[in-house]
Amino acid sequence: MTVKYLIDEKGNKTAVQLSLEDYNALLESANILPQHVIDGIKKGQEEGKLGLTKSTDEVMKKYES
């Protein structure tokens, strides 16, 4: 994979340039998730639609000392 960085006038990296072939390969690899993770995401989405989720405040109370 060949990566080129675009930099601003101060020398800070501001963007990355790569070939479309490398970009598509990167996208494909990023979308590969283990089945248990996919199942967990789907379960969370279903629970959200049914109103079975808890607020962040509710969850954090469990971890307060």
N, C-alpha and C. Protein backbone atom coordinates (compact mmCIF):
# COMPACT_ATOMS: atom_id res chain seq x y z
N MET A 1 0.85 -1.17 0.00
CA MET A 1 0.00 0.00 0.00
C MET A 1 0.90 1.23 0.00
N THR A 2 0.65 2.10 -0.95
CA THR A 2 1.40 3.35 -1.02
C THR A 2 0.52 4.47 -0.47
N VAL A 3 1.05 5.19 0.51
CA VAL A 3 0.30 6.27 1.14
C VAL A 3 1.08 7.56 0.97
N LYS A 4 0.39 8.61 0.58
CA LYS A 4 0.99 9.94 0.49
C LYS A 4 0.24 10.84 1.46
N TYR A 5 0.98 11.67 2.17
CA TYR A 5 0.37 12.60 3.11
C TYR A 5 0.37 14.00 2.51
N LEU A 6 -0.71 14.70 2.67
CA LEU A 6 -0.77 16.11 2.29
C LEU A 6 -0.53 16.92 3.55
N ILE A 7 0.32 17.90 3.44
CA ILE A 7 0.68 18.70 4.61
C ILE A 7 0.35 20.17 4.38
N ASP A 8 0.11 20.88 5.48
CA ASP A 8 -0.17 22.30 5.38
C ASP A 8 1.15 23.08 5.43
N GLU A 9 1.04 24.39 5.44
CA GLU A 9 2.24 25.24 5.41
C GLU A 9 3.12 25.10 6.65
N LYS A 10 2.55 24.56 7.73
CA LYS A 10 3.32 24.36 8.97
C LYS A 10 3.92 22.96 9.05
N GLY A 11 3.67 22.14 8.04
CA GLY A 11 4.20 20.79 8.03
C GLY A 11 3.32 19.76 8.71
N ASN A 12 2.10 20.16 9.09
CA ASN A 12 1.17 19.23 9.73
C ASN A 12 0.46 18.37 8.68
N LYS A 13 0.35 17.08 8.94
CA LYS A 13 -0.37 16.20 8.04
C LYS A 13 -1.86 16.55 8.12
N THR A 14 -2.46 16.80 6.96
CA THR A 14 -3.87 17.19 6.94
C THR A 14 -4.76 16.23 6.17
N ALA A 15 -4.16 15.35 5.38
CA ALA A 15 -4.94 14.40 4.59
C ALA A 15 -4.04 13.25 4.16
N VAL A 16 -4.69 12.19 3.71
CA VAL A 16 -3.99 11.01 3.23
C VAL A 16 -4.48 10.70 1.83
N GLN A 17 -3.56 10.35 0.96
CA GLN A 17 -3.92 9.98 -0.40
C GLN A 17 -3.45 8.55 -0.66
N LEU A 18 -4.36 7.70 -1.16
CA LEU A 18 -4.00 6.35 -1.53
C LEU A 18 -4.79 5.95 -2.76
N SER A 19 -4.35 4.88 -3.40
CA SER A 19 -5.01 4.46 -4.64
C SER A 19 -6.42 3.96 -4.34
N LEU A 20 -7.27 3.99 -5.36
CA LEU A 20 -8.63 3.46 -5.20
C LEU A 20 -8.60 1.98 -4.86
N GLU A 21 -7.67 1.25 -5.42
CA GLU A 21 -7.54 -0.17 -5.12
C GLU A 21 -7.25 -0.38 -3.64
N ASP A 22 -6.31 0.38 -3.10
CA ASP A 22 -5.98 0.28 -1.68
C ASP A 22 -7.13 0.76 -0.80
N TYR A 23 -7.80 1.81 -1.23
CA TYR A 23 -8.94 2.35 -0.48
C TYR A 23 -10.05 1.30 -0.39
N ASN A 24 -10.38 0.67 -1.52
CA ASN A 24 -11.44 -0.35 -1.52
C ASN A 24 -11.05 -1.55 -0.67
N ALA A 25 -9.79 -1.95 -0.72
CA ALA A 25 -9.33 -3.07 0.11
C ALA A 25 -9.44 -2.71 1.59
N LEU A 26 -9.12 -1.47 1.93
CA LEU A 26 -9.22 -1.01 3.31
C LEU A 26 -10.67 -1.01 3.78
N LEU A 27 -11.57 -0.55 2.92
CA LEU A 27 -13.00 -0.56 3.26
C LEU A 27 -13.50 -1.98 3.48
N GLU A 28 -13.11 -2.89 2.62
CA GLU A 28 -13.55 -4.28 2.77
C GLU A 28 -13.05 -4.88 4.07
N SER A 29 -11.81 -4.63 4.41
CA SER A 29 -11.27 -5.20 5.65
C SER A 29 -11.90 -4.57 6.88
N ALA A 30 -12.31 -3.33 6.79
CA ALA A 30 -12.93 -2.65 7.93
C ALA A 30 -14.34 -3.18 8.17
N ASN A 31 -14.96 -3.75 7.17
CA ASN A 31 -16.33 -4.23 7.30
C ASN A 31 -16.41 -5.70 7.69
N ILE A 32 -15.27 -6.31 7.94
CA ILE A 32 -15.27 -7.71 8.34
C ILE A 32 -15.33 -7.76 9.87
N LEU A 33 -16.45 -8.22 10.38
CA LEU A 33 -16.63 -8.33 11.83
C LEU A 33 -16.96 -9.78 12.17
N PRO A 34 -16.51 -10.23 13.33
CA PRO A 34 -16.90 -11.58 13.76
C PRO A 34 -18.41 -11.67 13.93
N GLN A 35 -18.95 -12.85 13.72
CA GLN A 35 -20.40 -13.04 13.78
C GLN A 35 -20.99 -12.63 15.12
N HIS A 36 -20.28 -12.90 16.23
CA HIS A 36 -20.83 -12.53 17.54
C HIS A 36 -20.95 -11.01 17.70
N VAL A 37 -20.08 -10.26 17.03
CA VAL A 37 -20.17 -8.80 17.09
C VAL A 37 -21.37 -8.33 16.27
N ILE A 38 -21.54 -8.90 15.08
CA ILE A 38 -22.70 -8.56 14.24
C ILE A 38 -23.99 -8.88 14.98
N ASP A 39 -24.04 -10.05 15.62
CA ASP A 39 -25.24 -10.45 16.38
C ASP A 39 -25.51 -9.48 17.52
N GLY A 40 -24.46 -9.04 18.21
CA GLY A 40 -24.62 -8.09 19.31
C GLY A 40 -25.15 -6.75 18.84
N ILE A 41 -24.66 -6.30 17.70
CA ILE A 41 -25.13 -5.03 17.14
C ILE A 41 -26.61 -5.13 16.79
N LYS A 42 -26.99 -6.23 16.13
CA LYS A 42 -28.40 -6.42 15.75
C LYS A 42 -29.29 -6.48 16.99
N LYS A 43 -28.82 -7.19 18.02
CA LYS A 43 -29.61 -7.30 19.25
C LYS A 43 -29.80 -5.92 19.88
N GLY A 44 -28.74 -5.12 19.93
CA GLY A 44 -28.83 -3.78 20.49
C GLY A 44 -29.79 -2.90 19.70
N GLN A 45 -29.76 -3.03 18.37
CA GLN A 45 -30.68 -2.25 17.54
C GLN A 45 -32.13 -2.65 17.81
N GLU A 46 -32.37 -3.95 17.92
CA GLU A 46 -33.73 -4.43 18.20
C GLU A 46 -34.20 -3.96 19.58
N GLU A 47 -33.33 -4.05 20.58
CA GLU A 47 -33.69 -3.60 21.92
C GLU A 47 -33.98 -2.11 21.94
N GLY A 48 -33.23 -1.36 21.17
CA GLY A 48 -33.47 0.08 21.09
C GLY A 48 -34.83 0.40 20.50
N LYS A 49 -35.18 -0.32 19.46
CA LYS A 49 -36.50 -0.11 18.84
C LYS A 49 -37.64 -0.45 19.79
N LEU A 50 -37.39 -1.41 20.68
CA LEU A 50 -38.43 -1.83 21.63
C LEU A 50 -38.40 -1.00 22.92
N GLY A 51 -37.48 -0.07 23.02
CA GLY A 51 -37.38 0.75 24.22
C GLY A 51 -36.79 0.03 25.41
N LEU A 52 -36.00 -1.00 25.18
CA LEU A 52 -35.44 -1.80 26.27
C LEU A 52 -34.04 -1.35 26.70
N THR A 53 -33.60 -0.22 26.22
CA THR A 53 -32.26 0.26 26.56
C THR A 53 -32.29 1.12 27.82
N LYS A 54 -31.10 1.33 28.40
CA LYS A 54 -30.96 2.17 29.59
C LYS A 54 -30.20 3.43 29.22
N SER A 55 -30.44 4.49 29.96
CA SER A 55 -29.72 5.72 29.72
C SER A 55 -28.28 5.58 30.21
N THR A 56 -27.42 6.43 29.71
CA THR A 56 -26.01 6.41 30.15
C THR A 56 -25.92 6.63 31.65
N ASP A 57 -26.73 7.55 32.18
CA ASP A 57 -26.72 7.83 33.62
C ASP A 57 -27.06 6.58 34.42
N GLU A 58 -28.05 5.83 33.95
CA GLU A 58 -28.45 4.61 34.63
C GLU A 58 -27.32 3.58 34.66
N VAL A 59 -26.66 3.44 33.53
CA VAL A 59 -25.56 2.48 33.45
C VAL A 59 -24.39 2.92 34.33
N MET A 60 -24.07 4.20 34.32
CA MET A 60 -22.92 4.70 35.07
C MET A 60 -23.12 4.58 36.58
N LYS A 61 -24.36 4.60 37.05
CA LYS A 61 -24.62 4.43 38.49
C LYS A 61 -24.07 3.11 38.99
N LYS A 62 -24.07 2.11 38.13
CA LYS A 62 -23.55 0.79 38.49
C LYS A 62 -22.07 0.85 38.82
N TYR A 63 -21.34 1.79 38.23
CA TYR A 63 -19.88 1.85 38.39
C TYR A 63 -19.42 2.93 39.37
N GLU A 64 -20.35 3.67 39.93
CA GLU A 64 -19.98 4.69 40.91
C GLU A 64 -19.66 4.01 42.24
N SER A 65 -18.67 4.56 42.93
CA SER A 65 -18.31 3.93 44.21
C SER A 65 -18.95 4.63 45.38
